[in-house]
Amino acid sequence: KALWKENPTVISPIMDRLEALTNEVRIYLENNEILRLGLAMTEAHHLLRSIKVSDDLLEKLVEVAMKSGALGAKLTGGGKGGCMIALAKNNDQAIRIADALKNAGAENTWLYDLKEIVI
């Protein structure tokens, strides 16, 4: 909210796009469109980075995830808390991404199958 109050003409369109992405992501999850889901996640991350919600560690982890084959990656939570999420095509890729994240300084990693998530 503080960012919004400081510069609403910059922040407002970014927040509008993030809201639209949230709605798109729901559709992508419902239709199992994982490539589009990954692109939306990464776009959201770039938007959040542009408003300085990210930090150096999160940027490093998102970059490592993407270079390790993630279909998409973004910070999660309130930002600057060191949490991010990456989307993998399959379990083997998820394990490779998790290992790369640990090697890059991630304290913990968890793997979840999207098929087990109720929308």
PDB file of N, CA and C in Angstrom:
ATOM      1  N   LYS A   1       0.819  -1.199   0.000  1.00  0.00           N
ATOM      2  CA  LYS A   1       0.000   0.000   0.000  1.00  0.00           C
ATOM      3  C   LYS A   1       0.854   1.250   0.000  1.00  0.00           C
ATOM      4  N   ALA A   2       1.985   1.190   0.686  1.00  0.00           N
ATOM      5  CA  ALA A   2       2.858   2.364   0.730  1.00  0.00           C
ATOM      6  C   ALA A   2       3.368   2.698  -0.666  1.00  0.00           C
ATOM      7  N   LEU A   3       3.745   1.660  -1.430  1.00  0.00           N
ATOM      8  CA  LEU A   3       4.201   1.898  -2.797  1.00  0.00           C
ATOM      9  C   LEU A   3       3.106   2.539  -3.635  1.00  0.00           C
ATOM     10  N   TRP A   4       1.880   2.063  -3.458  1.00  0.00           N
ATOM     11  CA  TRP A   4       0.738   2.577  -4.207  1.00  0.00           C
ATOM     12  C   TRP A   4       0.533   4.065  -3.907  1.00  0.00           C
ATOM     13  N   LYS A   5       0.605   4.416  -2.628  1.00  0.00           N
ATOM     14  CA  LYS A   5       0.409   5.812  -2.231  1.00  0.00           C
ATOM     15  C   LYS A   5       1.519   6.709  -2.763  1.00  0.00           C
ATOM     16  N   GLU A   6       2.742   6.177  -2.814  1.00  0.00           N
ATOM     17  CA  GLU A   6       3.877   6.963  -3.287  1.00  0.00           C
ATOM     18  C   GLU A   6       3.809   7.244  -4.783  1.00  0.00           C
ATOM     19  N   ASN A   7       3.349   6.265  -5.556  1.00  0.00           N
ATOM     20  CA  ASN A   7       3.382   6.415  -7.007  1.00  0.00           C
ATOM     21  C   ASN A   7       2.230   5.653  -7.665  1.00  0.00           C
ATOM     22  N   PRO A   8       0.992   6.094  -7.466  1.00  0.00           N
ATOM     23  CA  PRO A   8      -0.163   5.354  -7.979  1.00  0.00           C
ATOM     24  C   PRO A   8      -0.201   5.231  -9.498  1.00  0.00           C
ATOM     25  N   THR A   9       0.347   6.192 -10.221  1.00  0.00           N
ATOM     26  CA  THR A   9       0.297   6.104 -11.682  1.00  0.00           C
ATOM     27  C   THR A   9       1.182   4.986 -12.222  1.00  0.00           C
ATOM     28  N   VAL A  10       2.213   4.618 -11.488  1.00  0.00           N
ATOM     29  CA  VAL A  10       3.073   3.502 -11.880  1.00  0.00           C
ATOM     30  C   VAL A  10       2.533   2.194 -11.317  1.00  0.00           C
ATOM     31  N   ILE A  11       2.165   2.190 -10.060  1.00  0.00           N
ATOM     32  CA  ILE A  11       1.768   0.965  -9.370  1.00  0.00           C
ATOM     33  C   ILE A  11       0.401   0.460  -9.826  1.00  0.00           C
ATOM     34  N   SER A  12      -0.539   1.333 -10.063  1.00  0.00           N
ATOM     35  CA  SER A  12      -1.903   0.921 -10.400  1.00  0.00           C
ATOM     36  C   SER A  12      -1.976   0.002 -11.621  1.00  0.00           C
ATOM     37  N   PRO A  13      -1.338   0.339 -12.751  1.00  0.00           N
ATOM     38  CA  PRO A  13      -1.415  -0.577 -13.892  1.00  0.00           C
ATOM     39  C   PRO A  13      -0.720  -1.912 -13.629  1.00  0.00           C
ATOM     40  N   ILE A  14       0.330  -1.889 -12.827  1.00  0.00           N
ATOM     41  CA  ILE A  14       1.013  -3.138 -12.481  1.00  0.00           C
ATOM     42  C   ILE A  14       0.091  -4.012 -11.643  1.00  0.00           C
ATOM     43  N   MET A  15      -0.571  -3.418 -10.669  1.00  0.00           N
ATOM     44  CA  MET A  15      -1.502  -4.180  -9.835  1.00  0.00           C
ATOM     45  C   MET A  15      -2.682  -4.694 -10.664  1.00  0.00           C
ATOM     46  N   ASP A  16      -3.146  -3.900 -11.616  1.00  0.00           N
ATOM     47  CA  ASP A  16      -4.228  -4.349 -12.500  1.00  0.00           C
ATOM     48  C   ASP A  16      -3.792  -5.565 -13.308  1.00  0.00           C
ATOM     49  N   ARG A  17      -2.564  -5.532 -13.818  1.00  0.00           N
ATOM     50  CA  ARG A  17      -2.066  -6.673 -14.599  1.00  0.00           C
ATOM     51  C   ARG A  17      -1.886  -7.889 -13.702  1.00  0.00           C
ATOM     52  N   LEU A  18      -1.407  -7.701 -12.491  1.00  0.00           N
ATOM     53  CA  LEU A  18      -1.276  -8.826 -11.560  1.00  0.00           C
ATOM     54  C   LEU A  18      -2.636  -9.446 -11.262  1.00  0.00           C
ATOM     55  N   GLU A  19      -3.658  -8.617 -11.115  1.00  0.00           N
ATOM     56  CA  GLU A  19      -5.012  -9.130 -10.895  1.00  0.00           C
ATOM     57  C   GLU A  19      -5.478  -9.939 -12.102  1.00  0.00           C
ATOM     58  N   ALA A  20      -5.231  -9.434 -13.296  1.00  0.00           N
ATOM     59  CA  ALA A  20      -5.619 -10.159 -14.509  1.00  0.00           C
ATOM     60  C   ALA A  20      -4.872 -11.487 -14.603  1.00  0.00           C
ATOM     61  N   LEU A  21      -3.593 -11.477 -14.265  1.00  0.00           N
ATOM     62  CA  LEU A  21      -2.817 -12.718 -14.285  1.00  0.00           C
ATOM     63  C   LEU A  21      -3.375 -13.735 -13.300  1.00  0.00           C
ATOM     64  N   THR A  22      -3.803 -13.281 -12.150  1.00  0.00           N
ATOM     65  CA  THR A  22      -4.401 -14.179 -11.158  1.00  0.00           C
ATOM     66  C   THR A  22      -5.617 -14.884 -11.745  1.00  0.00           C
ATOM     67  N   ASN A  23      -6.444 -14.146 -12.449  1.00  0.00           N
ATOM     68  CA  ASN A  23      -7.622 -14.743 -13.085  1.00  0.00           C
ATOM     69  C   ASN A  23      -7.228 -15.698 -14.206  1.00  0.00           C
ATOM     70  N   GLU A  24      -6.215 -15.337 -14.979  1.00  0.00           N
ATOM     71  CA  GLU A  24      -5.738 -16.208 -16.051  1.00  0.00           C
ATOM     72  C   GLU A  24      -5.177 -17.509 -15.485  1.00  0.00           C
ATOM     73  N   VAL A  25      -4.427 -17.404 -14.402  1.00  0.00           N
ATOM     74  CA  VAL A  25      -3.804 -18.581 -13.798  1.00  0.00           C
ATOM     75  C   VAL A  25      -4.855 -19.601 -13.378  1.00  0.00           C
ATOM     76  N   ARG A  26      -5.947 -19.144 -12.850  1.00  0.00           N
ATOM     77  CA  ARG A  26      -7.019 -20.067 -12.456  1.00  0.00           C
ATOM     78  C   ARG A  26      -7.499 -20.870 -13.669  1.00  0.00           C
ATOM     79  N   ILE A  27      -7.669 -20.208 -14.784  1.00  0.00           N
ATOM     80  CA  ILE A  27      -8.100 -20.881 -16.014  1.00  0.00           C
ATOM     81  C   ILE A  27      -7.035 -21.867 -16.476  1.00  0.00           C
ATOM     82  N   TYR A  28      -5.776 -21.453 -16.433  1.00  0.00           N
ATOM     83  CA  TYR A  28      -4.691 -22.344 -16.845  1.00  0.00           C
ATOM     84  C   TYR A  28      -4.634 -23.588 -15.966  1.00  0.00           C
ATOM     85  N   LEU A  29      -4.842 -23.421 -14.665  1.00  0.00           N
ATOM     86  CA  LEU A  29      -4.863 -24.574 -13.758  1.00  0.00           C
ATOM     87  C   LEU A  29      -6.038 -25.494 -14.069  1.00  0.00           C
ATOM     88  N   GLU A  30      -7.203 -24.912 -14.278  1.00  0.00           N
ATOM     89  CA  GLU A  30      -8.398 -25.711 -14.570  1.00  0.00           C
ATOM     90  C   GLU A  30      -8.258 -26.490 -15.874  1.00  0.00           C
ATOM     91  N   ASN A  31      -7.531 -25.927 -16.835  1.00  0.00           N
ATOM     92  CA  ASN A  31      -7.395 -26.550 -18.152  1.00  0.00           C
ATOM     93  C   ASN A  31      -6.056 -27.250 -18.362  1.00  0.00           C
ATOM     94  N   ASN A  32      -5.281 -27.373 -17.290  1.00  0.00           N
ATOM     95  CA  ASN A  32      -3.983 -28.047 -17.335  1.00  0.00           C
ATOM     96  C   ASN A  32      -3.058 -27.446 -18.399  1.00  0.00           C
ATOM     97  N   GLU A  33      -3.075 -26.140 -18.526  1.00  0.00           N
ATOM     98  CA  GLU A  33      -2.219 -25.441 -19.489  1.00  0.00           C
ATOM     99  C   GLU A  33      -0.944 -24.997 -18.778  1.00  0.00           C
ATOM    100  N   ILE A  34      -0.043 -25.965 -18.566  1.00  0.00           N
ATOM    101  CA  ILE A  34       1.112 -25.670 -17.724  1.00  0.00           C
ATOM    102  C   ILE A  34       2.111 -24.718 -18.377  1.00  0.00           C
ATOM    103  N   LEU A  35       2.216 -24.736 -19.689  1.00  0.00           N
ATOM    104  CA  LEU A  35       3.143 -23.801 -20.329  1.00  0.00           C
ATOM    105  C   LEU A  35       2.678 -22.360 -20.131  1.00  0.00           C
ATOM    106  N   ARG A  36       1.384 -22.125 -20.319  1.00  0.00           N
ATOM    107  CA  ARG A  36       0.840 -20.783 -20.092  1.00  0.00           C
ATOM    108  C   ARG A  36       0.928 -20.399 -18.617  1.00  0.00           C
ATOM    109  N   LEU A  37       0.704 -21.368 -17.744  1.00  0.00           N
ATOM    110  CA  LEU A  37       0.830 -21.122 -16.307  1.00  0.00           C
ATOM    111  C   LEU A  37       2.243 -20.648 -15.981  1.00  0.00           C
ATOM    112  N   GLY A  38       3.231 -21.340 -16.519  1.00  0.00           N
ATOM    113  CA  GLY A  38       4.618 -20.954 -16.282  1.00  0.00           C
ATOM    114  C   GLY A  38       4.932 -19.557 -16.781  1.00  0.00           C
ATOM    115  N   LEU A  39       4.451 -19.231 -17.972  1.00  0.00           N
ATOM    116  CA  LEU A  39       4.676 -17.886 -18.515  1.00  0.00           C
ATOM    117  C   LEU A  39       4.022 -16.823 -17.640  1.00  0.00           C
ATOM    118  N   ALA A  40       2.816 -17.115 -17.162  1.00  0.00           N
ATOM    119  CA  ALA A  40       2.103 -16.159 -16.298  1.00  0.00           C
ATOM    120  C   ALA A  40       2.846 -15.964 -14.980  1.00  0.00           C
ATOM    121  N   MET A  41       3.360 -17.048 -14.416  1.00  0.00           N
ATOM    122  CA  MET A  41       4.124 -16.940 -13.175  1.00  0.00           C
ATOM    123  C   MET A  41       5.341 -16.035 -13.362  1.00  0.00           C
ATOM    124  N   THR A  42       6.055 -16.270 -14.447  1.00  0.00           N
ATOM    125  CA  THR A  42       7.262 -15.492 -14.694  1.00  0.00           C
ATOM    126  C   THR A  42       6.928 -14.028 -14.961  1.00  0.00           C
ATOM    127  N   GLU A  43       5.856 -13.777 -15.705  1.00  0.00           N
ATOM    128  CA  GLU A  43       5.440 -12.390 -15.932  1.00  0.00           C
ATOM    129  C   GLU A  43       5.101 -11.708 -14.606  1.00  0.00           C
ATOM    130  N   ALA A  44       4.386 -12.425 -13.746  1.00  0.00           N
ATOM    131  CA  ALA A  44       4.036 -11.860 -12.437  1.00  0.00           C
ATOM    132  C   ALA A  44       5.298 -11.536 -11.644  1.00  0.00           C
ATOM    133  N   HIS A  45       6.283 -12.416 -11.721  1.00  0.00           N
ATOM    134  CA  HIS A  45       7.528 -12.152 -10.995  1.00  0.00           C
ATOM    135  C   HIS A  45       8.190 -10.873 -11.501  1.00  0.00           C
ATOM    136  N   HIS A  46       8.254 -10.716 -12.812  1.00  0.00           N
ATOM    137  CA  HIS A  46       8.874  -9.511 -13.379  1.00  0.00           C
ATOM    138  C   HIS A  46       8.132  -8.251 -12.936  1.00  0.00           C
ATOM    139  N   LEU A  47       6.815  -8.335 -12.890  1.00  0.00           N
ATOM    140  CA  LEU A  47       6.026  -7.187 -12.424  1.00  0.00           C
ATOM    141  C   LEU A  47       6.326  -6.880 -10.960  1.00  0.00           C
ATOM    142  N   LEU A  48       6.379  -7.914 -10.137  1.00  0.00           N
ATOM    143  CA  LEU A  48       6.677  -7.721  -8.717  1.00  0.00           C
ATOM    144  C   LEU A  48       8.088  -7.173  -8.520  1.00  0.00           C
ATOM    145  N   ARG A  49       9.009  -7.669  -9.328  1.00  0.00           N
ATOM    146  CA  ARG A  49      10.382  -7.151  -9.256  1.00  0.00           C
ATOM    147  C   ARG A  49      10.406  -5.664  -9.609  1.00  0.00           C
ATOM    148  N   SER A  50       9.598  -5.277 -10.590  1.00  0.00           N
ATOM    149  CA  SER A  50       9.601  -3.879 -11.037  1.00  0.00           C
ATOM    150  C   SER A  50       9.127  -2.909  -9.957  1.00  0.00           C
ATOM    151  N   ILE A  51       8.360  -3.427  -8.992  1.00  0.00           N
ATOM    152  CA  ILE A  51       7.917  -2.558  -7.895  1.00  0.00           C
ATOM    153  C   ILE A  51       8.715  -2.827  -6.615  1.00  0.00           C
ATOM    154  N   LYS A  52       9.860  -3.474  -6.801  1.00  0.00           N
ATOM    155  CA  LYS A  52      10.838  -3.660  -5.717  1.00  0.00           C
ATOM    156  C   LYS A  52      10.339  -4.546  -4.574  1.00  0.00           C
ATOM    157  N   VAL A  53       9.519  -5.543  -4.901  1.00  0.00           N
ATOM    158  CA  VAL A  53       9.054  -6.476  -3.878  1.00  0.00           C
ATOM    159  C   VAL A  53      10.054  -7.618  -3.715  1.00  0.00           C
ATOM    160  N   SER A  54      10.875  -7.835  -4.720  1.00  0.00           N
ATOM    161  CA  SER A  54      11.858  -8.908  -4.691  1.00  0.00           C
ATOM    162  C   SER A  54      13.135  -8.436  -3.998  1.00  0.00           C
ATOM    163  N   ASP A  55      14.073  -9.354  -3.852  1.00  0.00           N
ATOM    164  CA  ASP A  55      15.393  -9.002  -3.332  1.00  0.00           C
ATOM    165  C   ASP A  55      16.438  -9.839  -4.059  1.00  0.00           C
ATOM    166  N   ASP A  56      17.699  -9.634  -3.745  1.00  0.00           N
ATOM    167  CA  ASP A  56      18.776 -10.302  -4.477  1.00  0.00           C
ATOM    168  C   ASP A  56      18.703 -11.823  -4.384  1.00  0.00           C
ATOM    169  N   LEU A  57      18.412 -12.361  -3.203  1.00  0.00           N
ATOM    170  CA  LEU A  57      18.338 -13.813  -3.057  1.00  0.00           C
ATOM    171  C   LEU A  57      17.187 -14.381  -3.878  1.00  0.00           C
ATOM    172  N   LEU A  58      16.023 -13.760  -3.807  1.00  0.00           N
ATOM    173  CA  LEU A  58      14.886 -14.238  -4.598  1.00  0.00           C
ATOM    174  C   LEU A  58      15.199 -14.183  -6.086  1.00  0.00           C
ATOM    175  N   GLU A  59      15.839 -13.119  -6.520  1.00  0.00           N
ATOM    176  CA  GLU A  59      16.201 -13.002  -7.938  1.00  0.00           C
ATOM    177  C   GLU A  59      17.143 -14.127  -8.343  1.00  0.00           C
ATOM    178  N   LYS A  60      18.102 -14.421  -7.480  1.00  0.00           N
ATOM    179  CA  LYS A  60      19.047 -15.503  -7.759  1.00  0.00           C
ATOM    180  C   LYS A  60      18.317 -16.838  -7.846  1.00  0.00           C
ATOM    181  N   LEU A  61      17.421 -17.101  -6.902  1.00  0.00           N
ATOM    182  CA  LEU A  61      16.714 -18.380  -6.889  1.00  0.00           C
ATOM    183  C   LEU A  61      15.784 -18.525  -8.089  1.00  0.00           C
ATOM    184  N   VAL A  62      15.091 -17.466  -8.460  1.00  0.00           N
ATOM    185  CA  VAL A  62      14.220 -17.524  -9.643  1.00  0.00           C
ATOM    186  C   VAL A  62      15.068 -17.787 -10.887  1.00  0.00           C
ATOM    187  N   GLU A  63      16.198 -17.117 -10.995  1.00  0.00           N
ATOM    188  CA  GLU A  63      17.085 -17.319 -12.144  1.00  0.00           C
ATOM    189  C   GLU A  63      17.606 -18.755 -12.187  1.00  0.00           C
ATOM    190  N   VAL A  64      18.022 -19.280 -11.045  1.00  0.00           N
ATOM    191  CA  VAL A  64      18.516 -20.658 -10.975  1.00  0.00           C
ATOM    192  C   VAL A  64      17.415 -21.635 -11.385  1.00  0.00           C
ATOM    193  N   ALA A  65      16.213 -21.419 -10.890  1.00  0.00           N
ATOM    194  CA  ALA A  65      15.096 -22.303 -11.246  1.00  0.00           C
ATOM    195  C   ALA A  65      14.854 -22.291 -12.751  1.00  0.00           C
ATOM    196  N   MET A  66      14.829 -21.108 -13.336  1.00  0.00           N
ATOM    197  CA  MET A  66      14.578 -21.003 -14.776  1.00  0.00           C
ATOM    198  C   MET A  66      15.705 -21.653 -15.576  1.00  0.00           C
ATOM    199  N   LYS A  67      16.942 -21.429 -15.173  1.00  0.00           N
ATOM    200  CA  LYS A  67      18.080 -22.036 -15.878  1.00  0.00           C
ATOM    201  C   LYS A  67      18.118 -23.547 -15.695  1.00  0.00           C
ATOM    202  N   SER A  68      17.444 -24.035 -14.660  1.00  0.00           N
ATOM    203  CA  SER A  68      17.405 -25.475 -14.387  1.00  0.00           C
ATOM    204  C   SER A  68      16.208 -26.144 -15.050  1.00  0.00           C
ATOM    205  N   GLY A  69      15.473 -25.393 -15.857  1.00  0.00           N
ATOM    206  CA  GLY A  69      14.387 -25.985 -16.624  1.00  0.00           C
ATOM    207  C   GLY A  69      12.988 -25.688 -16.139  1.00  0.00           C
ATOM    208  N   ALA A  70      12.837 -24.808 -15.169  1.00  0.00           N
ATOM    209  CA  ALA A  70      11.484 -24.470 -14.703  1.00  0.00           C
ATOM    210  C   ALA A  70      10.681 -23.863 -15.848  1.00  0.00           C
ATOM    211  N   LEU A  71       9.397 -24.178 -15.885  1.00  0.00           N
ATOM    212  CA  LEU A  71       8.498 -23.602 -16.883  1.00  0.00           C
ATOM    213  C   LEU A  71       8.110 -22.180 -16.498  1.00  0.00           C
ATOM    214  N   GLY A  72       8.269 -21.864 -15.232  1.00  0.00           N
ATOM    215  CA  GLY A  72       7.976 -20.541 -14.705  1.00  0.00           C
ATOM    216  C   GLY A  72       8.424 -20.494 -13.263  1.00  0.00           C
ATOM    217  N   ALA A  73       8.645 -19.289 -12.766  1.00  0.00           N
ATOM    218  CA  ALA A  73       9.058 -19.129 -11.370  1.00  0.00           C
ATOM    219  C   ALA A  73       8.730 -17.717 -10.927  1.00  0.00           C
ATOM    220  N   LYS A  74       8.433 -17.574  -9.643  1.00  0.00           N
ATOM    221  CA  LYS A  74       8.122 -16.252  -9.104  1.00  0.00           C
ATOM    222  C   LYS A  74       8.280 -16.255  -7.600  1.00  0.00           C
ATOM    223  N   LEU A  75       8.464 -15.071  -7.058  1.00  0.00           N
ATOM    224  CA  LEU A  75       8.439 -14.955  -5.609  1.00  0.00           C
ATOM    225  C   LEU A  75       7.013 -15.218  -5.140  1.00  0.00           C
ATOM    226  N   THR A  76       6.873 -15.582  -3.898  1.00  0.00           N
ATOM    227  CA  THR A  76       5.539 -15.830  -3.358  1.00  0.00           C
ATOM    228  C   THR A  76       5.466 -15.256  -1.953  1.00  0.00           C
ATOM    229  N   GLY A  77       4.272 -15.068  -1.473  1.00  0.00           N
ATOM    230  CA  GLY A  77       4.095 -14.436  -0.172  1.00  0.00           C
ATOM    231  C   GLY A  77       4.169 -12.930  -0.318  1.00  0.00           C
ATOM    232  N   GLY A  78       4.562 -12.271   0.721  1.00  0.00           N
ATOM    233  CA  GLY A  78       4.610 -10.817   0.727  1.00  0.00           C
ATOM    234  C   GLY A  78       5.857 -10.244   0.083  1.00  0.00           C
ATOM    235  N   GLY A  79       6.733 -11.100  -0.382  1.00  0.00           N
ATOM    236  CA  GLY A  79       7.979 -10.622  -0.956  1.00  0.00           C
ATOM    237  C   GLY A  79       8.991 -10.340   0.133  1.00  0.00           C
ATOM    238  N   LYS A  80      10.225 -10.311  -0.254  1.00  0.00           N
ATOM    239  CA  LYS A  80      11.350 -10.063   0.643  1.00  0.00           C
ATOM    240  C   LYS A  80      11.385 -11.025   1.825  1.00  0.00           C
ATOM    241  N   GLY A  81      10.611 -12.103   1.719  1.00  0.00           N
ATOM    242  CA  GLY A  81      10.630 -13.120   2.758  1.00  0.00           C
ATOM    243  C   GLY A  81      11.446 -14.331   2.352  1.00  0.00           C
ATOM    244  N   GLY A  82      11.977 -14.285   1.133  1.00  0.00           N
ATOM    245  CA  GLY A  82      12.838 -15.367   0.676  1.00  0.00           C
ATOM    246  C   GLY A  82      12.116 -16.582   0.138  1.00  0.00           C
ATOM    247  N   CYS A  83      10.829 -16.474  -0.163  1.00  0.00           N
ATOM    248  CA  CYS A  83      10.079 -17.619  -0.681  1.00  0.00           C
ATOM    249  C   CYS A  83       9.771 -17.434  -2.159  1.00  0.00           C
ATOM    250  N   MET A  84       9.921 -18.521  -2.905  1.00  0.00           N
ATOM    251  CA  MET A  84       9.587 -18.495  -4.319  1.00  0.00           C
ATOM    252  C   MET A  84       8.996 -19.842  -4.696  1.00  0.00           C
ATOM    253  N   ILE A  85       8.359 -19.867  -5.855  1.00  0.00           N
ATOM    254  CA  ILE A  85       7.747 -21.088  -6.355  1.00  0.00           C
ATOM    255  C   ILE A  85       8.201 -21.270  -7.795  1.00  0.00           C
ATOM    256  N   ALA A  86       8.462 -22.513  -8.168  1.00  0.00           N
ATOM    257  CA  ALA A  86       8.861 -22.829  -9.539  1.00  0.00           C
ATOM    258  C   ALA A  86       7.968 -23.948 -10.050  1.00  0.00           C
ATOM    259  N   LEU A  87       7.676 -23.919 -11.326  1.00  0.00           N
ATOM    260  CA  LEU A  87       6.815 -24.913 -11.965  1.00  0.00           C
ATOM    261  C   LEU A  87       7.671 -25.825 -12.828  1.00  0.00           C
ATOM    262  N   ALA A  88       7.553 -27.128 -12.588  1.00  0.00           N
ATOM    263  CA  ALA A  88       8.307 -28.116 -13.358  1.00  0.00           C
ATOM    264  C   ALA A  88       7.357 -28.954 -14.205  1.00  0.00           C
ATOM    265  N   LYS A  89       7.879 -29.465 -15.309  1.00  0.00           N
ATOM    266  CA  LYS A  89       7.076 -30.278 -16.220  1.00  0.00           C
ATOM    267  C   LYS A  89       6.751 -31.642 -15.613  1.00  0.00           C
ATOM    268  N   ASN A  90       7.679 -32.182 -14.831  1.00  0.00           N
ATOM    269  CA  ASN A  90       7.480 -33.509 -14.250  1.00  0.00           C
ATOM    270  C   ASN A  90       8.305 -33.624 -12.966  1.00  0.00           C
ATOM    271  N   ASN A  91       8.177 -34.757 -12.298  1.00  0.00           N
ATOM    272  CA  ASN A  91       8.848 -34.956 -11.012  1.00  0.00           C
ATOM    273  C   ASN A  91      10.369 -34.941 -11.146  1.00  0.00           C
ATOM    274  N   ASP A  92      10.907 -35.566 -12.193  1.00  0.00           N
ATOM    275  CA  ASP A  92      12.363 -35.575 -12.372  1.00  0.00           C
ATOM    276  C   ASP A  92      12.906 -34.158 -12.519  1.00  0.00           C
ATOM    277  N   GLN A  93      12.219 -33.364 -13.314  1.00  0.00           N
ATOM    278  CA  GLN A  93      12.640 -31.976 -13.486  1.00  0.00           C
ATOM    279  C   GLN A  93      12.505 -31.215 -12.165  1.00  0.00           C
ATOM    280  N   ALA A  94      11.449 -31.479 -11.419  1.00  0.00           N
ATOM    281  CA  ALA A  94      11.252 -30.815 -10.126  1.00  0.00           C
ATOM    282  C   ALA A  94      12.406 -31.128  -9.180  1.00  0.00           C
ATOM    283  N   ILE A  95      12.848 -32.364  -9.181  1.00  0.00           N
ATOM    284  CA  ILE A  95      13.974 -32.760  -8.326  1.00  0.00           C
ATOM    285  C   ILE A  95      15.246 -32.036  -8.757  1.00  0.00           C
ATOM    286  N   ARG A  96      15.480 -31.941 -10.071  1.00  0.00           N
ATOM    287  CA  ARG A  96      16.663 -31.221 -10.565  1.00  0.00           C
ATOM    288  C   ARG A  96      16.618 -29.745 -10.160  1.00  0.00           C
ATOM    289  N   ILE A  97      15.441 -29.142 -10.284  1.00  0.00           N
ATOM    290  CA  ILE A  97      15.291 -27.733  -9.902  1.00  0.00           C
ATOM    291  C   ILE A  97      15.525 -27.568  -8.404  1.00  0.00           C
ATOM    292  N   ALA A  98      14.937 -28.456  -7.604  1.00  0.00           N
ATOM    293  CA  ALA A  98      15.105 -28.386  -6.148  1.00  0.00           C
ATOM    294  C   ALA A  98      16.573 -28.528  -5.761  1.00  0.00           C
ATOM    295  N   ASP A  99      17.273 -29.461  -6.390  1.00  0.00           N
ATOM    296  CA  ASP A  99      18.702 -29.632  -6.097  1.00  0.00           C
ATOM    297  C   ASP A  99      19.493 -28.377  -6.458  1.00  0.00           C
ATOM    298  N   ALA A 100      19.188 -27.793  -7.614  1.00  0.00           N
ATOM    299  CA  ALA A 100      19.881 -26.570  -8.033  1.00  0.00           C
ATOM    300  C   ALA A 100      19.592 -25.423  -7.066  1.00  0.00           C
ATOM    301  N   LEU A 101      18.352 -25.333  -6.602  1.00  0.00           N
ATOM    302  CA  LEU A 101      17.993 -24.282  -5.646  1.00  0.00           C
ATOM    303  C   LEU A 101      18.743 -24.459  -4.330  1.00  0.00           C
ATOM    304  N   LYS A 102      18.831 -25.698  -3.853  1.00  0.00           N
ATOM    305  CA  LYS A 102      19.584 -25.952  -2.616  1.00  0.00           C
ATOM    306  C   LYS A 102      21.050 -25.561  -2.787  1.00  0.00           C
ATOM    307  N   ASN A 103      21.621 -25.931  -3.943  1.00  0.00           N
ATOM    308  CA  ASN A 103      23.020 -25.585  -4.219  1.00  0.00           C
ATOM    309  C   ASN A 103      23.225 -24.077  -4.323  1.00  0.00           C
ATOM    310  N   ALA A 104      22.161 -23.357  -4.655  1.00  0.00           N
ATOM    311  CA  ALA A 104      22.242 -21.895  -4.796  1.00  0.00           C
ATOM    312  C   ALA A 104      21.933 -21.157  -3.498  1.00  0.00           C
ATOM    313  N   GLY A 105      21.630 -21.911  -2.436  1.00  0.00           N
ATOM    314  CA  GLY A 105      21.409 -21.263  -1.150  1.00  0.00           C
ATOM    315  C   GLY A 105      20.010 -21.344  -0.585  1.00  0.00           C
ATOM    316  N   ALA A 106      19.099 -22.038  -1.264  1.00  0.00           N
ATOM    317  CA  ALA A 106      17.752 -22.199  -0.708  1.00  0.00           C
ATOM    318  C   ALA A 106      17.838 -23.034   0.566  1.00  0.00           C
ATOM    319  N   GLU A 107      17.165 -22.594   1.607  1.00  0.00           N
ATOM    320  CA  GLU A 107      17.198 -23.329   2.871  1.00  0.00           C
ATOM    321  C   GLU A 107      16.363 -24.593   2.806  1.00  0.00           C
ATOM    322  N   ASN A 108      15.210 -24.524   2.155  1.00  0.00           N
ATOM    323  CA  ASN A 108      14.304 -25.667   2.047  1.00  0.00           C
ATOM    324  C   ASN A 108      13.670 -25.689   0.669  1.00  0.00           C
ATOM    325  N   THR A 109      13.280 -26.872   0.245  1.00  0.00           N
ATOM    326  CA  THR A 109      12.477 -27.015  -0.971  1.00  0.00           C
ATOM    327  C   THR A 109      11.390 -28.043  -0.692  1.00  0.00           C
ATOM    328  N   TRP A 110      10.266 -27.892  -1.362  1.00  0.00           N
ATOM    329  CA  TRP A 110       9.157 -28.822  -1.250  1.00  0.00           C
ATOM    330  C   TRP A 110       8.647 -29.116  -2.647  1.00  0.00           C
ATOM    331  N   LEU A 111       8.198 -30.332  -2.860  1.00  0.00           N
ATOM    332  CA  LEU A 111       7.638 -30.710  -4.153  1.00  0.00           C
ATOM    333  C   LEU A 111       6.163 -31.040  -3.976  1.00  0.00           C
ATOM    334  N   TYR A 112       5.329 -30.497  -4.855  1.00  0.00           N
ATOM    335  CA  TYR A 112       3.893 -30.770  -4.858  1.00  0.00           C
ATOM    336  C   TYR A 112       3.463 -31.088  -6.274  1.00  0.00           C
ATOM    337  N   ASP A 113       2.560 -32.021  -6.409  1.00  0.00           N
ATOM    338  CA  ASP A 113       1.996 -32.369  -7.704  1.00  0.00           C
ATOM    339  C   ASP A 113       0.727 -31.551  -7.913  1.00  0.00           C
ATOM    340  N   LEU A 114       0.659 -30.800  -9.001  1.00  0.00           N
ATOM    341  CA  LEU A 114      -0.522 -29.972  -9.268  1.00  0.00           C
ATOM    342  C   LEU A 114      -1.797 -30.800  -9.369  1.00  0.00           C
ATOM    343  N   LYS A 115      -1.665 -32.053  -9.714  1.00  0.00           N
ATOM    344  CA  LYS A 115      -2.850 -32.913  -9.817  1.00  0.00           C
ATOM    345  C   LYS A 115      -3.518 -33.118  -8.461  1.00  0.00           C
ATOM    346  N   GLU A 116      -2.773 -32.873  -7.398  1.00  0.00           N
ATOM    347  CA  GLU A 116      -3.312 -33.055  -6.053  1.00  0.00           C
ATOM    348  C   GLU A 116      -3.912 -31.777  -5.480  1.00  0.00           C
ATOM    349  N   ILE A 117      -3.810 -30.680  -6.222  1.00  0.00           N
ATOM    350  CA  ILE A 117      -4.318 -29.401  -5.744  1.00  0.00           C
ATOM    351  C   ILE A 117      -5.765 -29.230  -6.185  1.00  0.00           C
ATOM    352  N   VAL A 118      -6.614 -28.882  -5.244  1.00  0.00           N
ATOM    353  CA  VAL A 118      -8.023 -28.633  -5.543  1.00  0.00           C
ATOM    354  C   VAL A 118      -8.192 -27.151  -5.836  1.00  0.00           C
ATOM    355  N   ILE A 119      -8.831 -26.854  -6.950  1.00  0.00           N
ATOM    356  CA  ILE A 119      -9.026 -25.456  -7.347  1.00  0.00           C
ATOM    357  C   ILE A 119     -10.392 -24.993  -6.897  1.00  0.00           C
TER     358      ILE A 119
END
